[in-house]
Amino acid sequence: MDKDLKLWEKAVEFHGHICGGLTIGYRGAILAMELLELDFSQDEEVVCVTENDACGVDAIQVILGCSVGKGNLLFRLRGKQAFSFFNRKTGKSIRLVLKADAMNNDCTNEERQKFLFTANSNEIFHVKEVQFVLPERARIFNSIECDSCGEKTADHLIKLQRDKKLCLDCFVPYERFM
C-alpha cells in the first residue's frame, strides 16, 4: 500500500487537488496495473484510450506514464467515465467503465470520495472487453507550409483546396449539404 499511497500523492500533486474524478482515474490505473501487469510506460508499452477529458485522466498520466506527447494517451470522447488500457508487450487489454451507483448522489462529496478510495474495484468498475483494435504507434509526419498563412502543419492534416495546400485553420469546408 505504501507504493500505492505514493502514487496517489503524486497524482494529487500533479492534478492540484483531491476530487472524485481524480480518484476514479487513480483506481482505474491501479486496477489496470494489476489486471494487465503494467508498470510506468517509458515509451508506448502502455496505451490508454480515454472516453472523457475529466480529472481522472491526470491520475492515469502520472501513474501509467500515458501522455498525449508520447502518443500513448488517446481521446475517444464519448462523455463516459471509461478507459481502455492496452499492454503492447502481452497484447492484453481491458475496458474499465465506472458503475452507475459508484457516484451515488445521495451522499456527500466526502462520503463519495471515501467510497471511491476504499471500495473494492468490482464495486467501482465494470471490467469489459475492448471493442476496438489497439491503435498504431505514434507516427512522425513531415511538415508542409500552408499556402495561405505560411505556418508549418503536419502533412496528414493538410487539405487541398483550389490547388493550394491549406492547414485546417485556413481551409474553408464545403458545407452546403446537411
N, C-alpha and C. Protein backbone atom coordinates (compact mmCIF):
# COMPACT_ATOMS: atom_id res chain seq x y z
N MET A 1 0.83 -1.21 0.00
CA MET A 1 0.00 0.00 0.00
C MET A 1 0.86 1.26 0.00
N ASP A 2 2.10 1.17 0.50
CA ASP A 2 2.97 2.35 0.52
C ASP A 2 3.22 2.86 -0.89
N LYS A 3 3.48 1.94 -1.84
CA LYS A 3 3.70 2.33 -3.22
C LYS A 3 2.45 3.02 -3.78
N ASP A 4 1.27 2.41 -3.51
CA ASP A 4 0.01 3.00 -3.98
C ASP A 4 -0.22 4.37 -3.38
N LEU A 5 0.10 4.54 -2.10
CA LEU A 5 -0.09 5.83 -1.44
C LEU A 5 0.83 6.89 -2.06
N LYS A 6 2.05 6.51 -2.39
CA LYS A 6 2.97 7.46 -3.04
C LYS A 6 2.45 7.84 -4.42
N LEU A 7 1.88 6.86 -5.14
CA LEU A 7 1.30 7.16 -6.45
C LEU A 7 0.11 8.12 -6.31
N TRP A 8 -0.71 7.90 -5.28
CA TRP A 8 -1.85 8.77 -5.01
C TRP A 8 -1.36 10.20 -4.75
N GLU A 9 -0.34 10.33 -3.91
CA GLU A 9 0.19 11.65 -3.58
C GLU A 9 0.75 12.35 -4.82
N LYS A 10 1.43 11.59 -5.70
CA LYS A 10 1.95 12.17 -6.94
C LYS A 10 0.80 12.63 -7.83
N ALA A 11 -0.28 11.85 -7.89
CA ALA A 11 -1.43 12.23 -8.71
C ALA A 11 -2.08 13.50 -8.18
N VAL A 12 -2.24 13.59 -6.86
CA VAL A 12 -2.84 14.79 -6.26
C VAL A 12 -1.96 16.00 -6.52
N GLU A 13 -0.65 15.83 -6.36
CA GLU A 13 0.27 16.96 -6.60
C GLU A 13 0.17 17.44 -8.05
N PHE A 14 0.14 16.50 -8.98
CA PHE A 14 0.05 16.86 -10.40
C PHE A 14 -1.28 17.54 -10.71
N HIS A 15 -2.37 16.98 -10.20
CA HIS A 15 -3.71 17.50 -10.51
C HIS A 15 -4.01 18.81 -9.77
N GLY A 16 -3.50 18.93 -8.55
CA GLY A 16 -3.69 20.17 -7.80
C GLY A 16 -4.69 20.09 -6.66
N HIS A 17 -5.54 19.09 -6.65
CA HIS A 17 -6.49 18.94 -5.55
C HIS A 17 -7.06 17.52 -5.55
N ILE A 18 -7.71 17.17 -4.47
CA ILE A 18 -8.36 15.87 -4.34
C ILE A 18 -9.81 16.01 -4.77
N CYS A 19 -10.26 15.09 -5.64
CA CYS A 19 -11.66 15.09 -6.06
C CYS A 19 -12.04 13.69 -6.51
N GLY A 20 -13.33 13.47 -6.65
CA GLY A 20 -13.83 12.17 -7.07
C GLY A 20 -13.30 11.74 -8.42
N GLY A 21 -13.21 12.66 -9.34
CA GLY A 21 -12.72 12.33 -10.68
C GLY A 21 -11.29 11.83 -10.66
N LEU A 22 -10.43 12.49 -9.89
CA LEU A 22 -9.05 12.06 -9.77
C LEU A 22 -8.99 10.66 -9.17
N THR A 23 -9.84 10.42 -8.18
CA THR A 23 -9.86 9.11 -7.52
C THR A 23 -10.30 8.01 -8.50
N ILE A 24 -11.24 8.32 -9.37
CA ILE A 24 -11.68 7.34 -10.37
C ILE A 24 -10.51 6.97 -11.29
N GLY A 25 -9.78 7.95 -11.76
CA GLY A 25 -8.62 7.67 -12.61
C GLY A 25 -7.53 6.92 -11.87
N TYR A 26 -7.30 7.29 -10.62
CA TYR A 26 -6.31 6.60 -9.79
C TYR A 26 -6.68 5.13 -9.62
N ARG A 27 -7.93 4.88 -9.24
CA ARG A 27 -8.36 3.49 -9.02
C ARG A 27 -8.34 2.70 -10.33
N GLY A 28 -8.70 3.35 -11.43
CA GLY A 28 -8.66 2.69 -12.73
C GLY A 28 -7.24 2.32 -13.13
N ALA A 29 -6.30 3.25 -12.92
CA ALA A 29 -4.90 2.99 -13.27
C ALA A 29 -4.33 1.85 -12.43
N ILE A 30 -4.62 1.85 -11.14
CA ILE A 30 -4.13 0.79 -10.24
C ILE A 30 -4.72 -0.56 -10.65
N LEU A 31 -6.02 -0.58 -10.95
CA LEU A 31 -6.66 -1.82 -11.38
C LEU A 31 -6.07 -2.31 -12.70
N ALA A 32 -5.85 -1.41 -13.63
CA ALA A 32 -5.24 -1.79 -14.92
C ALA A 32 -3.84 -2.36 -14.70
N MET A 33 -3.09 -1.77 -13.78
CA MET A 33 -1.75 -2.29 -13.47
C MET A 33 -1.84 -3.74 -13.00
N GLU A 34 -2.80 -4.01 -12.14
CA GLU A 34 -2.96 -5.36 -11.59
C GLU A 34 -3.41 -6.34 -12.65
N LEU A 35 -4.44 -5.99 -13.42
CA LEU A 35 -5.04 -6.92 -14.37
C LEU A 35 -4.18 -7.16 -15.61
N LEU A 36 -3.42 -6.16 -16.02
CA LEU A 36 -2.64 -6.27 -17.25
C LEU A 36 -1.13 -6.35 -17.01
N GLU A 37 -0.74 -6.43 -15.73
CA GLU A 37 0.69 -6.50 -15.39
C GLU A 37 1.44 -5.30 -15.96
N LEU A 38 0.95 -4.11 -15.67
CA LEU A 38 1.52 -2.88 -16.20
C LEU A 38 2.42 -2.21 -15.19
N ASP A 39 3.30 -1.38 -15.70
CA ASP A 39 4.12 -0.51 -14.90
C ASP A 39 4.17 0.83 -15.63
N PHE A 40 4.88 1.79 -15.11
CA PHE A 40 5.01 3.10 -15.74
C PHE A 40 5.58 2.92 -17.15
N SER A 41 4.95 3.53 -18.12
CA SER A 41 5.34 3.38 -19.52
C SER A 41 6.43 4.39 -19.89
N GLN A 42 7.60 3.88 -20.22
CA GLN A 42 8.70 4.75 -20.63
C GLN A 42 8.49 5.28 -22.04
N ASP A 43 7.81 4.47 -22.87
CA ASP A 43 7.57 4.87 -24.26
C ASP A 43 6.10 4.63 -24.56
N GLU A 44 5.78 3.65 -25.37
CA GLU A 44 4.39 3.37 -25.72
C GLU A 44 3.99 1.94 -25.36
N GLU A 45 4.64 1.35 -24.35
CA GLU A 45 4.31 -0.01 -23.95
C GLU A 45 2.88 -0.10 -23.41
N VAL A 46 2.46 0.93 -22.73
CA VAL A 46 1.11 1.03 -22.18
C VAL A 46 0.37 2.08 -22.98
N VAL A 47 -0.86 1.77 -23.36
CA VAL A 47 -1.70 2.73 -24.08
C VAL A 47 -3.01 2.87 -23.32
N CYS A 48 -3.46 4.10 -23.14
CA CYS A 48 -4.78 4.36 -22.57
C CYS A 48 -5.60 5.14 -23.59
N VAL A 49 -6.78 4.62 -23.87
CA VAL A 49 -7.75 5.35 -24.69
C VAL A 49 -8.86 5.76 -23.73
N THR A 50 -8.95 7.06 -23.47
CA THR A 50 -9.94 7.56 -22.53
C THR A 50 -11.17 8.07 -23.27
N GLU A 51 -12.32 7.85 -22.67
CA GLU A 51 -13.58 8.29 -23.28
C GLU A 51 -14.07 9.60 -22.67
N ASN A 52 -13.19 10.26 -21.90
CA ASN A 52 -13.54 11.55 -21.29
C ASN A 52 -12.28 12.39 -21.19
N ASP A 53 -12.48 13.66 -20.90
CA ASP A 53 -11.35 14.56 -20.69
C ASP A 53 -11.43 15.15 -19.28
N ALA A 54 -11.81 14.31 -18.33
CA ALA A 54 -12.05 14.74 -16.95
C ALA A 54 -10.82 14.53 -16.07
N CYS A 55 -10.97 14.80 -14.81
CA CYS A 55 -9.89 14.80 -13.83
C CYS A 55 -9.12 13.48 -13.76
N GLY A 56 -9.80 12.36 -13.93
CA GLY A 56 -9.16 11.06 -13.80
C GLY A 56 -8.03 10.84 -14.77
N VAL A 57 -8.06 11.52 -15.90
CA VAL A 57 -7.01 11.36 -16.91
C VAL A 57 -5.67 11.82 -16.33
N ASP A 58 -5.68 12.80 -15.45
CA ASP A 58 -4.43 13.25 -14.83
C ASP A 58 -3.78 12.14 -14.01
N ALA A 59 -4.57 11.38 -13.28
CA ALA A 59 -4.02 10.27 -12.49
C ALA A 59 -3.41 9.21 -13.41
N ILE A 60 -4.05 8.94 -14.51
CA ILE A 60 -3.55 7.94 -15.46
C ILE A 60 -2.21 8.39 -16.04
N GLN A 61 -2.08 9.67 -16.33
CA GLN A 61 -0.81 10.18 -16.84
C GLN A 61 0.32 9.96 -15.85
N VAL A 62 0.06 10.30 -14.60
CA VAL A 62 1.09 10.23 -13.56
C VAL A 62 1.44 8.78 -13.22
N ILE A 63 0.45 7.93 -13.10
CA ILE A 63 0.67 6.56 -12.63
C ILE A 63 1.18 5.64 -13.74
N LEU A 64 0.63 5.77 -14.93
CA LEU A 64 0.98 4.84 -16.01
C LEU A 64 1.92 5.42 -17.06
N GLY A 65 2.18 6.72 -16.99
CA GLY A 65 3.09 7.32 -17.97
C GLY A 65 2.48 7.47 -19.34
N CYS A 66 1.17 7.54 -19.40
CA CYS A 66 0.49 7.77 -20.67
C CYS A 66 0.39 9.28 -20.88
N SER A 67 0.77 9.73 -22.07
CA SER A 67 0.67 11.16 -22.34
C SER A 67 0.40 11.39 -23.82
N VAL A 68 -0.20 12.52 -24.11
CA VAL A 68 -0.51 12.88 -25.49
C VAL A 68 0.79 13.01 -26.28
N GLY A 69 1.80 13.61 -25.70
CA GLY A 69 3.06 13.83 -26.40
C GLY A 69 3.77 12.54 -26.79
N LYS A 70 3.68 11.52 -25.95
CA LYS A 70 4.29 10.22 -26.27
C LYS A 70 3.44 9.43 -27.25
N GLY A 71 2.19 9.81 -27.36
CA GLY A 71 1.30 9.10 -28.28
C GLY A 71 0.63 7.90 -27.68
N ASN A 72 0.69 7.75 -26.36
CA ASN A 72 0.05 6.59 -25.73
C ASN A 72 -1.12 6.98 -24.83
N LEU A 73 -1.58 8.22 -24.95
CA LEU A 73 -2.82 8.67 -24.32
C LEU A 73 -3.68 9.24 -25.44
N LEU A 74 -4.75 8.53 -25.74
CA LEU A 74 -5.61 8.90 -26.85
C LEU A 74 -7.01 9.19 -26.35
N PHE A 75 -7.66 10.15 -26.99
CA PHE A 75 -9.01 10.54 -26.59
C PHE A 75 -10.02 10.04 -27.62
N ARG A 76 -10.98 9.31 -27.12
CA ARG A 76 -12.13 8.83 -27.91
C ARG A 76 -13.35 9.37 -27.16
N LEU A 77 -13.56 10.66 -27.27
CA LEU A 77 -14.52 11.34 -26.40
C LEU A 77 -15.95 10.87 -26.63
N ARG A 78 -16.48 10.28 -25.56
CA ARG A 78 -17.86 9.80 -25.54
C ARG A 78 -18.60 10.34 -24.32
N GLY A 79 -17.90 11.08 -23.48
CA GLY A 79 -18.52 11.62 -22.28
C GLY A 79 -18.78 10.56 -21.21
N LYS A 80 -18.07 9.45 -21.29
CA LYS A 80 -18.25 8.35 -20.33
C LYS A 80 -17.03 8.25 -19.43
N GLN A 81 -17.26 7.84 -18.19
CA GLN A 81 -16.14 7.54 -17.29
C GLN A 81 -15.68 6.12 -17.64
N ALA A 82 -14.96 6.03 -18.74
CA ALA A 82 -14.49 4.74 -19.24
C ALA A 82 -13.08 4.91 -19.81
N PHE A 83 -12.28 3.88 -19.58
CA PHE A 83 -10.88 3.89 -20.02
C PHE A 83 -10.54 2.52 -20.56
N SER A 84 -9.92 2.48 -21.73
CA SER A 84 -9.40 1.23 -22.28
C SER A 84 -7.89 1.25 -22.13
N PHE A 85 -7.36 0.16 -21.62
CA PHE A 85 -5.92 0.04 -21.40
C PHE A 85 -5.39 -1.12 -22.22
N PHE A 86 -4.21 -0.91 -22.80
CA PHE A 86 -3.56 -1.93 -23.62
C PHE A 86 -2.13 -2.14 -23.11
N ASN A 87 -1.71 -3.39 -23.05
CA ASN A 87 -0.33 -3.74 -22.77
C ASN A 87 0.26 -4.25 -24.07
N ARG A 88 1.09 -3.42 -24.73
CA ARG A 88 1.66 -3.80 -26.03
C ARG A 88 2.56 -5.04 -25.91
N LYS A 89 3.20 -5.24 -24.76
CA LYS A 89 4.11 -6.37 -24.60
C LYS A 89 3.37 -7.71 -24.60
N THR A 90 2.21 -7.75 -23.95
CA THR A 90 1.47 -9.01 -23.82
C THR A 90 0.30 -9.12 -24.80
N GLY A 91 -0.13 -7.98 -25.34
CA GLY A 91 -1.29 -7.98 -26.22
C GLY A 91 -2.61 -7.97 -25.48
N LYS A 92 -2.56 -7.91 -24.15
CA LYS A 92 -3.79 -7.91 -23.35
C LYS A 92 -4.39 -6.51 -23.27
N SER A 93 -5.71 -6.46 -23.10
CA SER A 93 -6.39 -5.17 -22.97
C SER A 93 -7.64 -5.33 -22.12
N ILE A 94 -8.09 -4.23 -21.52
CA ILE A 94 -9.35 -4.19 -20.77
C ILE A 94 -9.98 -2.82 -20.96
N ARG A 95 -11.27 -2.79 -20.75
CA ARG A 95 -12.01 -1.52 -20.72
C ARG A 95 -12.67 -1.43 -19.35
N LEU A 96 -12.38 -0.37 -18.64
CA LEU A 96 -12.98 -0.13 -17.33
C LEU A 96 -14.04 0.94 -17.46
N VAL A 97 -15.24 0.62 -16.99
CA VAL A 97 -16.36 1.55 -17.07
C VAL A 97 -16.88 1.77 -15.65
N LEU A 98 -16.98 3.02 -15.25
CA LEU A 98 -17.48 3.35 -13.92
C LEU A 98 -18.92 2.86 -13.77
N LYS A 99 -19.19 2.16 -12.68
CA LYS A 99 -20.56 1.71 -12.41
C LYS A 99 -21.43 2.90 -12.03
N ALA A 100 -22.67 2.86 -12.46
CA ALA A 100 -23.59 3.98 -12.23
C ALA A 100 -23.74 4.30 -10.74
N ASP A 101 -23.83 3.28 -9.91
CA ASP A 101 -24.05 3.53 -8.48
C ASP A 101 -22.77 3.91 -7.73
N ALA A 102 -21.63 3.92 -8.41
CA ALA A 102 -20.38 4.34 -7.75
C ALA A 102 -20.39 5.84 -7.45
N MET A 103 -21.17 6.58 -8.20
CA MET A 103 -21.27 8.03 -7.97
C MET A 103 -22.60 8.37 -7.31
N ASN A 104 -22.91 7.68 -6.26
CA ASN A 104 -24.15 7.85 -5.51
C ASN A 104 -24.38 9.33 -5.18
N ASN A 105 -25.46 9.88 -5.70
CA ASN A 105 -25.75 11.30 -5.48
C ASN A 105 -26.47 11.56 -4.16
N ASP A 106 -26.78 10.50 -3.42
CA ASP A 106 -27.45 10.66 -2.14
C ASP A 106 -26.48 10.84 -0.98
N CYS A 107 -25.19 10.94 -1.27
CA CYS A 107 -24.23 11.10 -0.20
C CYS A 107 -23.44 12.39 -0.41
N THR A 108 -22.68 12.77 0.59
CA THR A 108 -21.87 13.99 0.50
C THR A 108 -20.63 13.71 -0.37
N ASN A 109 -19.97 14.76 -0.79
CA ASN A 109 -18.73 14.60 -1.56
C ASN A 109 -17.69 13.83 -0.76
N GLU A 110 -17.62 14.09 0.54
CA GLU A 110 -16.65 13.39 1.40
C GLU A 110 -16.96 11.90 1.46
N GLU A 111 -18.25 11.55 1.60
CA GLU A 111 -18.64 10.14 1.64
C GLU A 111 -18.36 9.45 0.31
N ARG A 112 -18.64 10.13 -0.78
CA ARG A 112 -18.38 9.57 -2.10
C ARG A 112 -16.88 9.36 -2.31
N GLN A 113 -16.10 10.35 -1.91
CA GLN A 113 -14.65 10.25 -2.03
C GLN A 113 -14.12 9.06 -1.23
N LYS A 114 -14.60 8.89 -0.02
CA LYS A 114 -14.16 7.77 0.83
C LYS A 114 -14.53 6.44 0.17
N PHE A 115 -15.76 6.36 -0.35
CA PHE A 115 -16.19 5.13 -1.02
C PHE A 115 -15.28 4.83 -2.22
N LEU A 116 -15.05 5.82 -3.08
CA LEU A 116 -14.23 5.61 -4.28
C LEU A 116 -12.81 5.19 -3.93
N PHE A 117 -12.32 5.68 -2.82
CA PHE A 117 -10.94 5.38 -2.44
C PHE A 117 -10.81 4.02 -1.76
N THR A 118 -11.84 3.58 -1.05
CA THR A 118 -11.71 2.36 -0.23
C THR A 118 -12.49 1.15 -0.74
N ALA A 119 -13.45 1.33 -1.61
CA ALA A 119 -14.28 0.21 -2.07
C ALA A 119 -13.46 -0.78 -2.90
N ASN A 120 -13.96 -2.01 -2.97
CA ASN A 120 -13.36 -3.00 -3.86
C ASN A 120 -13.53 -2.52 -5.30
N SER A 121 -12.58 -2.84 -6.14
CA SER A 121 -12.62 -2.41 -7.53
C SER A 121 -13.89 -2.86 -8.24
N ASN A 122 -14.39 -4.06 -7.89
CA ASN A 122 -15.60 -4.56 -8.55
C ASN A 122 -16.86 -3.79 -8.13
N GLU A 123 -16.76 -2.97 -7.10
CA GLU A 123 -17.86 -2.09 -6.72
C GLU A 123 -17.82 -0.77 -7.49
N ILE A 124 -16.69 -0.48 -8.09
CA ILE A 124 -16.49 0.79 -8.78
C ILE A 124 -16.57 0.63 -10.30
N PHE A 125 -15.95 -0.44 -10.82
CA PHE A 125 -15.82 -0.59 -12.27
C PHE A 125 -16.43 -1.89 -12.80
N HIS A 126 -17.00 -1.78 -13.99
CA HIS A 126 -17.27 -2.95 -14.81
C HIS A 126 -15.98 -3.19 -15.58
N VAL A 127 -15.52 -4.44 -15.64
CA VAL A 127 -14.36 -4.78 -16.44
C VAL A 127 -14.89 -5.46 -17.69
N LYS A 128 -14.62 -4.84 -18.84
CA LYS A 128 -15.17 -5.32 -20.11
C LYS A 128 -14.06 -5.55 -21.12
N GLU A 129 -14.43 -6.19 -22.22
CA GLU A 129 -13.51 -6.33 -23.33
C GLU A 129 -13.50 -5.03 -24.13
N VAL A 130 -12.34 -4.72 -24.68
CA VAL A 130 -12.22 -3.55 -25.55
C VAL A 130 -12.84 -3.91 -26.89
N GLN A 131 -13.63 -2.98 -27.44
CA GLN A 131 -14.37 -3.24 -28.68
C GLN A 131 -13.72 -2.64 -29.92
N PHE A 132 -12.46 -2.24 -29.83
CA PHE A 132 -11.75 -1.71 -30.98
C PHE A 132 -10.30 -2.18 -30.90
N VAL A 133 -9.59 -2.09 -32.01
CA VAL A 133 -8.23 -2.60 -32.05
C VAL A 133 -7.25 -1.60 -31.42
N LEU A 134 -6.15 -2.15 -30.98
CA LEU A 134 -5.07 -1.34 -30.42
C LEU A 134 -4.62 -0.32 -31.45
N PRO A 135 -4.66 0.96 -31.11
CA PRO A 135 -4.21 1.97 -32.05
C PRO A 135 -2.72 1.78 -32.40
N GLU A 136 -2.36 2.15 -33.62
CA GLU A 136 -0.97 2.03 -34.05
C GLU A 136 -0.09 2.96 -33.21
N ARG A 137 1.20 2.68 -33.25
CA ARG A 137 2.14 3.55 -32.55
C ARG A 137 2.13 4.94 -33.19
N ALA A 138 2.56 5.93 -32.42
CA ALA A 138 2.60 7.31 -32.92
C ALA A 138 3.53 7.39 -34.13
N ARG A 139 3.14 8.18 -35.10
CA ARG A 139 3.95 8.39 -36.30
C ARG A 139 4.60 9.77 -36.22
N ILE A 140 5.67 9.92 -36.98
CA ILE A 140 6.28 11.24 -37.15
C ILE A 140 5.96 11.67 -38.58
N PHE A 141 5.38 12.86 -38.72
CA PHE A 141 4.94 13.35 -40.02
C PHE A 141 5.85 14.46 -40.52
N ASN A 142 5.90 14.58 -41.84
CA ASN A 142 6.59 15.71 -42.44
C ASN A 142 5.74 16.96 -42.24
N SER A 143 6.39 18.10 -42.24
CA SER A 143 5.67 19.37 -42.12
C SER A 143 5.57 20.03 -43.50
N ILE A 144 4.39 20.55 -43.78
CA ILE A 144 4.11 21.23 -45.03
C ILE A 144 3.73 22.67 -44.69
N GLU A 145 4.24 23.62 -45.47
CA GLU A 145 3.88 25.02 -45.25
C GLU A 145 2.52 25.29 -45.87
N CYS A 146 1.64 25.89 -45.09
CA CYS A 146 0.32 26.28 -45.58
C CYS A 146 0.49 27.40 -46.60
N ASP A 147 -0.14 27.23 -47.74
CA ASP A 147 -0.03 28.23 -48.81
C ASP A 147 -0.75 29.54 -48.47
N SER A 148 -1.54 29.56 -47.41
CA SER A 148 -2.26 30.78 -47.04
C SER A 148 -1.56 31.52 -45.89
N CYS A 149 -1.39 30.86 -44.75
CA CYS A 149 -0.83 31.55 -43.58
C CYS A 149 0.68 31.36 -43.44
N GLY A 150 1.24 30.39 -44.15
CA GLY A 150 2.68 30.17 -44.10
C GLY A 150 3.16 29.35 -42.91
N GLU A 151 2.25 28.90 -42.05
CA GLU A 151 2.64 28.10 -40.89
C GLU A 151 2.81 26.64 -41.30
N LYS A 152 3.79 25.98 -40.68
CA LYS A 152 4.05 24.56 -40.95
C LYS A 152 2.99 23.71 -40.25
N THR A 153 2.53 22.69 -40.97
CA THR A 153 1.48 21.79 -40.48
C THR A 153 1.85 20.36 -40.82
N ALA A 154 1.55 19.42 -39.93
CA ALA A 154 1.79 18.01 -40.21
C ALA A 154 1.07 17.62 -41.50
N ASP A 155 1.78 16.89 -42.36
CA ASP A 155 1.25 16.63 -43.70
C ASP A 155 -0.09 15.89 -43.73
N HIS A 156 -0.38 15.09 -42.71
CA HIS A 156 -1.66 14.38 -42.73
C HIS A 156 -2.85 15.28 -42.39
N LEU A 157 -2.57 16.52 -42.00
CA LEU A 157 -3.64 17.46 -41.68
C LEU A 157 -3.76 18.59 -42.71
N ILE A 158 -3.02 18.49 -43.78
CA ILE A 158 -3.12 19.48 -44.87
C ILE A 158 -4.31 19.11 -45.76
N LYS A 159 -5.05 20.11 -46.17
CA LYS A 159 -6.18 19.93 -47.10
C LYS A 159 -5.85 20.63 -48.41
N LEU A 160 -6.28 20.03 -49.49
CA LEU A 160 -6.08 20.62 -50.81
C LEU A 160 -7.35 21.35 -51.20
N GLN A 161 -7.22 22.64 -51.55
CA GLN A 161 -8.38 23.43 -51.97
C GLN A 161 -7.92 24.40 -53.05
N ARG A 162 -8.54 24.28 -54.23
CA ARG A 162 -8.18 25.13 -55.37
C ARG A 162 -6.67 25.13 -55.61
N ASP A 163 -6.10 23.94 -55.63
CA ASP A 163 -4.67 23.72 -55.88
C ASP A 163 -3.75 24.34 -54.83
N LYS A 164 -4.30 24.69 -53.68
CA LYS A 164 -3.49 25.20 -52.59
C LYS A 164 -3.48 24.19 -51.45
N LYS A 165 -2.33 24.06 -50.80
CA LYS A 165 -2.19 23.22 -49.62
C LYS A 165 -2.49 24.09 -48.41
N LEU A 166 -3.59 23.76 -47.69
CA LEU A 166 -4.05 24.61 -46.59
C LEU A 166 -4.10 23.85 -45.28
N CYS A 167 -3.76 24.55 -44.19
CA CYS A 167 -3.93 23.98 -42.85
C CYS A 167 -5.42 24.01 -42.51
N LEU A 168 -5.79 23.35 -41.45
CA LEU A 168 -7.21 23.27 -41.08
C LEU A 168 -7.80 24.63 -40.72
N ASP A 169 -6.96 25.56 -40.25
CA ASP A 169 -7.47 26.90 -39.92
C ASP A 169 -7.78 27.72 -41.16
N CYS A 170 -7.05 27.50 -42.24
CA CYS A 170 -7.25 28.28 -43.47
C CYS A 170 -8.22 27.60 -44.44
N PHE A 171 -8.38 26.32 -44.33
CA PHE A 171 -9.28 25.56 -45.19
C PHE A 171 -10.73 25.96 -44.92
N VAL A 172 -11.50 26.21 -45.97
CA VAL A 172 -12.92 26.55 -45.83
C VAL A 172 -13.72 25.33 -46.30
N PRO A 173 -14.37 24.63 -45.38
CA PRO A 173 -15.11 23.42 -45.78
C PRO A 173 -16.34 23.77 -46.61
N TYR A 174 -16.70 22.85 -47.44
CA TYR A 174 -17.90 22.98 -48.27
C TYR A 174 -19.04 22.31 -47.51
N GLU A 175 -19.96 23.10 -46.95
CA GLU A 175 -21.00 22.57 -46.08
C GLU A 175 -22.38 22.94 -46.57
N ARG A 176 -22.60 22.85 -47.84
CA ARG A 176 -23.89 23.20 -48.40
C ARG A 176 -24.96 22.15 -48.07
N PHE A 177 -24.54 20.94 -47.94
CA PHE A 177 -25.48 19.84 -47.67
C PHE A 177 -25.42 19.43 -46.22
N MET A 178 -26.57 19.08 -45.66
CA MET A 178 -26.61 18.69 -44.25
C MET A 178 -26.89 17.22 -44.10
